[in-house]
């Protein structure tokens, strides 16, 4: 699997992503949104 991923790797991406978000309570954030938050919190 070094350079050639299995052909079915992307088949369950949507379900895998949902499971990871549920497990880790993670909200993906864009860089722009994060920078805006930093500016509002005066961290940048």
PDB file of N, CA and C in Angstrom:
ATOM      1  N   UNK A   1       0.828  -1.201   0.000  1.00  0.00           N
ATOM      2  CA  UNK A   1       0.000   0.000   0.000  1.00  0.00           C
ATOM      3  C   UNK A   1       0.870   1.262   0.000  1.00  0.00           C
ATOM      4  N   UNK A   2       2.120   1.138  -0.287  1.00  0.00           N
ATOM      5  CA  UNK A   2       2.984   2.306  -0.254  1.00  0.00           C
ATOM      6  C   UNK A   2       2.579   3.357  -1.288  1.00  0.00           C
ATOM      7  N   UNK A   3       2.488   2.961  -2.541  1.00  0.00           N
ATOM      8  CA  UNK A   3       2.148   3.923  -3.587  1.00  0.00           C
ATOM      9  C   UNK A   3       0.862   3.578  -4.319  1.00  0.00           C
ATOM     10  N   UNK A   4       0.340   2.392  -4.089  1.00  0.00           N
ATOM     11  CA  UNK A   4      -0.863   1.968  -4.794  1.00  0.00           C
ATOM     12  C   UNK A   4      -1.951   1.616  -3.765  1.00  0.00           C
ATOM     13  N   UNK A   5      -2.869   2.542  -3.529  1.00  0.00           N
ATOM     14  CA  UNK A   5      -3.928   2.249  -2.557  1.00  0.00           C
ATOM     15  C   UNK A   5      -4.879   1.193  -3.114  1.00  0.00           C
ATOM     16  N   UNK A   6      -5.551   0.471  -2.247  1.00  0.00           N
ATOM     17  CA  UNK A   6      -6.531  -0.508  -2.726  1.00  0.00           C
ATOM     18  C   UNK A   6      -7.631   0.190  -3.530  1.00  0.00           C
ATOM     19  N   UNK A   7      -8.155  -0.454  -4.546  1.00  0.00           N
ATOM     20  CA  UNK A   7      -9.159   0.195  -5.401  1.00  0.00           C
ATOM     21  C   UNK A   7     -10.449   0.556  -4.664  1.00  0.00           C
ATOM     22  N   UNK A   8     -10.752  -0.119  -3.576  1.00  0.00           N
ATOM     23  CA  UNK A   8     -12.000   0.162  -2.860  1.00  0.00           C
ATOM     24  C   UNK A   8     -11.812   1.157  -1.712  1.00  0.00           C
ATOM     25  N   UNK A   9     -10.652   1.787  -1.627  1.00  0.00           N
ATOM     26  CA  UNK A   9     -10.354   2.693  -0.525  1.00  0.00           C
ATOM     27  C   UNK A   9     -11.364   3.842  -0.417  1.00  0.00           C
ATOM     28  N   UNK A  10     -11.769   4.399  -1.536  1.00  0.00           N
ATOM     29  CA  UNK A  10     -12.661   5.560  -1.525  1.00  0.00           C
ATOM     30  C   UNK A  10     -14.142   5.197  -1.487  1.00  0.00           C
ATOM     31  N   UNK A  11     -14.457   3.928  -1.506  1.00  0.00           N
ATOM     32  CA  UNK A  11     -15.860   3.520  -1.553  1.00  0.00           C
ATOM     33  C   UNK A  11     -16.666   3.969  -0.328  1.00  0.00           C
ATOM     34  N   UNK A  12     -16.051   3.978   0.835  1.00  0.00           N
ATOM     35  CA  UNK A  12     -16.773   4.297   2.066  1.00  0.00           C
ATOM     36  C   UNK A  12     -16.346   5.618   2.691  1.00  0.00           C
ATOM     37  N   UNK A  13     -15.832   6.515   1.892  1.00  0.00           N
ATOM     38  CA  UNK A  13     -15.312   7.774   2.422  1.00  0.00           C
ATOM     39  C   UNK A  13     -16.391   8.545   3.182  1.00  0.00           C
ATOM     40  N   UNK A  14     -17.578   8.634   2.640  1.00  0.00           N
ATOM     41  CA  UNK A  14     -18.646   9.388   3.304  1.00  0.00           C
ATOM     42  C   UNK A  14     -18.976   8.797   4.660  1.00  0.00           C
ATOM     43  N   UNK A  15     -19.143   7.506   4.729  1.00  0.00           N
ATOM     44  CA  UNK A  15     -19.466   6.840   5.996  1.00  0.00           C
ATOM     45  C   UNK A  15     -18.279   6.921   6.971  1.00  0.00           C
ATOM     46  N   UNK A  16     -17.069   6.736   6.471  1.00  0.00           N
ATOM     47  CA  UNK A  16     -15.888   6.832   7.329  1.00  0.00           C
ATOM     48  C   UNK A  16     -15.757   8.233   7.927  1.00  0.00           C
ATOM     49  N   UNK A  17     -16.000   9.240   7.108  1.00  0.00           N
ATOM     50  CA  UNK A  17     -15.914  10.628   7.579  1.00  0.00           C
ATOM     51  C   UNK A  17     -16.947  10.888   8.667  1.00  0.00           C
ATOM     52  N   UNK A  18     -18.173  10.402   8.457  1.00  0.00           N
ATOM     53  CA  UNK A  18     -19.227  10.571   9.459  1.00  0.00           C
ATOM     54  C   UNK A  18     -18.839   9.878  10.759  1.00  0.00           C
ATOM     55  N   UNK A  19     -18.319   8.665  10.667  1.00  0.00           N
ATOM     56  CA  UNK A  19     -17.916   7.931  11.871  1.00  0.00           C
ATOM     57  C   UNK A  19     -16.812   8.660  12.629  1.00  0.00           C
ATOM     58  N   UNK A  20     -15.837   9.188  11.904  1.00  0.00           N
ATOM     59  CA  UNK A  20     -14.757   9.922  12.567  1.00  0.00           C
ATOM     60  C   UNK A  20     -15.269  11.182  13.252  1.00  0.00           C
ATOM     61  N   UNK A  21     -16.165  11.901  12.596  1.00  0.00           N
ATOM     62  CA  UNK A  21     -16.726  13.115  13.209  1.00  0.00           C
ATOM     63  C   UNK A  21     -17.539  12.774  14.442  1.00  0.00           C
ATOM     64  N   UNK A  22     -18.283  11.664  14.392  1.00  0.00           N
ATOM     65  CA  UNK A  22     -19.067  11.241  15.557  1.00  0.00           C
ATOM     66  C   UNK A  22     -18.155  10.798  16.702  1.00  0.00           C
ATOM     67  N   UNK A  23     -17.121  10.058  16.372  1.00  0.00           N
ATOM     68  CA  UNK A  23     -16.215   9.539  17.398  1.00  0.00           C
ATOM     69  C   UNK A  23     -15.416  10.639  18.088  1.00  0.00           C
ATOM     70  N   UNK A  24     -14.915  11.593  17.318  1.00  0.00           N
ATOM     71  CA  UNK A  24     -14.001  12.583  17.859  1.00  0.00           C
ATOM     72  C   UNK A  24     -14.626  13.952  18.069  1.00  0.00           C
ATOM     73  N   UNK A  25     -15.919  14.101  17.767  1.00  0.00           N
ATOM     74  CA  UNK A  25     -16.599  15.378  17.955  1.00  0.00           C
ATOM     75  C   UNK A  25     -15.779  16.507  17.328  1.00  0.00           C
ATOM     76  N   UNK A  26     -15.419  16.325  16.068  1.00  0.00           N
ATOM     77  CA  UNK A  26     -14.555  17.255  15.349  1.00  0.00           C
ATOM     78  C   UNK A  26     -15.351  18.007  14.298  1.00  0.00           C
ATOM     79  N   UNK A  27     -15.198  19.294  14.279  1.00  0.00           N
ATOM     80  CA  UNK A  27     -15.852  20.128  13.278  1.00  0.00           C
ATOM     81  C   UNK A  27     -14.783  20.681  12.338  1.00  0.00           C
ATOM     82  N   UNK A  28     -14.755  20.237  11.073  1.00  0.00           N
ATOM     83  CA  UNK A  28     -13.759  20.767  10.142  1.00  0.00           C
ATOM     84  C   UNK A  28     -13.928  22.284   9.971  1.00  0.00           C
ATOM     85  N   UNK A  29     -12.818  22.985   9.905  1.00  0.00           N
ATOM     86  CA  UNK A  29     -12.844  24.440   9.815  1.00  0.00           C
ATOM     87  C   UNK A  29     -11.902  24.881   8.699  1.00  0.00           C
ATOM     88  N   UNK A  30     -12.355  25.833   7.913  1.00  0.00           N
ATOM     89  CA  UNK A  30     -11.486  26.366   6.867  1.00  0.00           C
ATOM     90  C   UNK A  30     -10.439  27.284   7.498  1.00  0.00           C
ATOM     91  N   UNK A  31      -9.345  27.467   6.807  1.00  0.00           N
ATOM     92  CA  UNK A  31      -8.296  28.358   7.285  1.00  0.00           C
ATOM     93  C   UNK A  31      -8.828  29.782   7.444  1.00  0.00           C
ATOM     94  N   UNK A  32      -9.648  30.214   6.505  1.00  0.00           N
ATOM     95  CA  UNK A  32     -10.218  31.565   6.570  1.00  0.00           C
ATOM     96  C   UNK A  32     -11.058  31.747   7.830  1.00  0.00           C
ATOM     97  N   UNK A  33     -11.879  30.764   8.150  1.00  0.00           N
ATOM     98  CA  UNK A  33     -12.731  30.849   9.342  1.00  0.00           C
ATOM     99  C   UNK A  33     -11.878  30.854  10.618  1.00  0.00           C
ATOM    100  N   UNK A  34     -10.833  30.057  10.632  1.00  0.00           N
ATOM    101  CA  UNK A  34      -9.961  29.986  11.806  1.00  0.00           C
ATOM    102  C   UNK A  34      -9.214  31.304  12.003  1.00  0.00           C
ATOM    103  N   UNK A  35      -8.735  31.901  10.933  1.00  0.00           N
ATOM    104  CA  UNK A  35      -8.044  33.194  11.030  1.00  0.00           C
ATOM    105  C   UNK A  35      -8.998  34.265  11.534  1.00  0.00           C
ATOM    106  N   UNK A  36     -10.232  34.255  11.038  1.00  0.00           N
ATOM    107  CA  UNK A  36     -11.241  35.208  11.507  1.00  0.00           C
ATOM    108  C   UNK A  36     -11.474  35.049  13.004  1.00  0.00           C
ATOM    109  N   UNK A  37     -11.545  33.817  13.463  1.00  0.00           N
ATOM    110  CA  UNK A  37     -11.740  33.560  14.894  1.00  0.00           C
ATOM    111  C   UNK A  37     -10.538  34.076  15.692  1.00  0.00           C
ATOM    112  N   UNK A  38      -9.329  33.837  15.189  1.00  0.00           N
ATOM    113  CA  UNK A  38      -8.121  34.309  15.881  1.00  0.00           C
ATOM    114  C   UNK A  38      -8.113  35.831  15.986  1.00  0.00           C
ATOM    115  N   UNK A  39      -8.511  36.489  14.908  1.00  0.00           N
ATOM    116  CA  UNK A  39      -8.532  37.962  14.921  1.00  0.00           C
ATOM    117  C   UNK A  39      -9.537  38.455  15.944  1.00  0.00           C
ATOM    118  N   UNK A  40     -10.714  37.839  16.000  1.00  0.00           N
ATOM    119  CA  UNK A  40     -11.733  38.244  16.984  1.00  0.00           C
ATOM    120  C   UNK A  40     -11.258  38.005  18.408  1.00  0.00           C
ATOM    121  N   UNK A  41     -10.482  36.947  18.619  1.00  0.00           N
ATOM    122  CA  UNK A  41      -9.976  36.636  19.951  1.00  0.00           C
ATOM    123  C   UNK A  41      -8.638  37.330  20.225  1.00  0.00           C
ATOM    124  N   UNK A  42      -8.211  38.164  19.273  1.00  0.00           N
ATOM    125  CA  UNK A  42      -6.958  38.929  19.378  1.00  0.00           C
ATOM    126  C   UNK A  42      -5.756  38.016  19.607  1.00  0.00           C
ATOM    127  N   UNK A  43      -5.750  36.878  18.925  1.00  0.00           N
ATOM    128  CA  UNK A  43      -4.617  35.962  19.000  1.00  0.00           C
ATOM    129  C   UNK A  43      -3.723  36.100  17.786  1.00  0.00           C
ATOM    130  N   UNK A  44      -4.102  36.947  16.842  1.00  0.00           N
ATOM    131  CA  UNK A  44      -3.320  37.117  15.624  1.00  0.00           C
ATOM    132  C   UNK A  44      -3.061  38.580  15.397  1.00  0.00           C
TER     133      UNK A  44
END
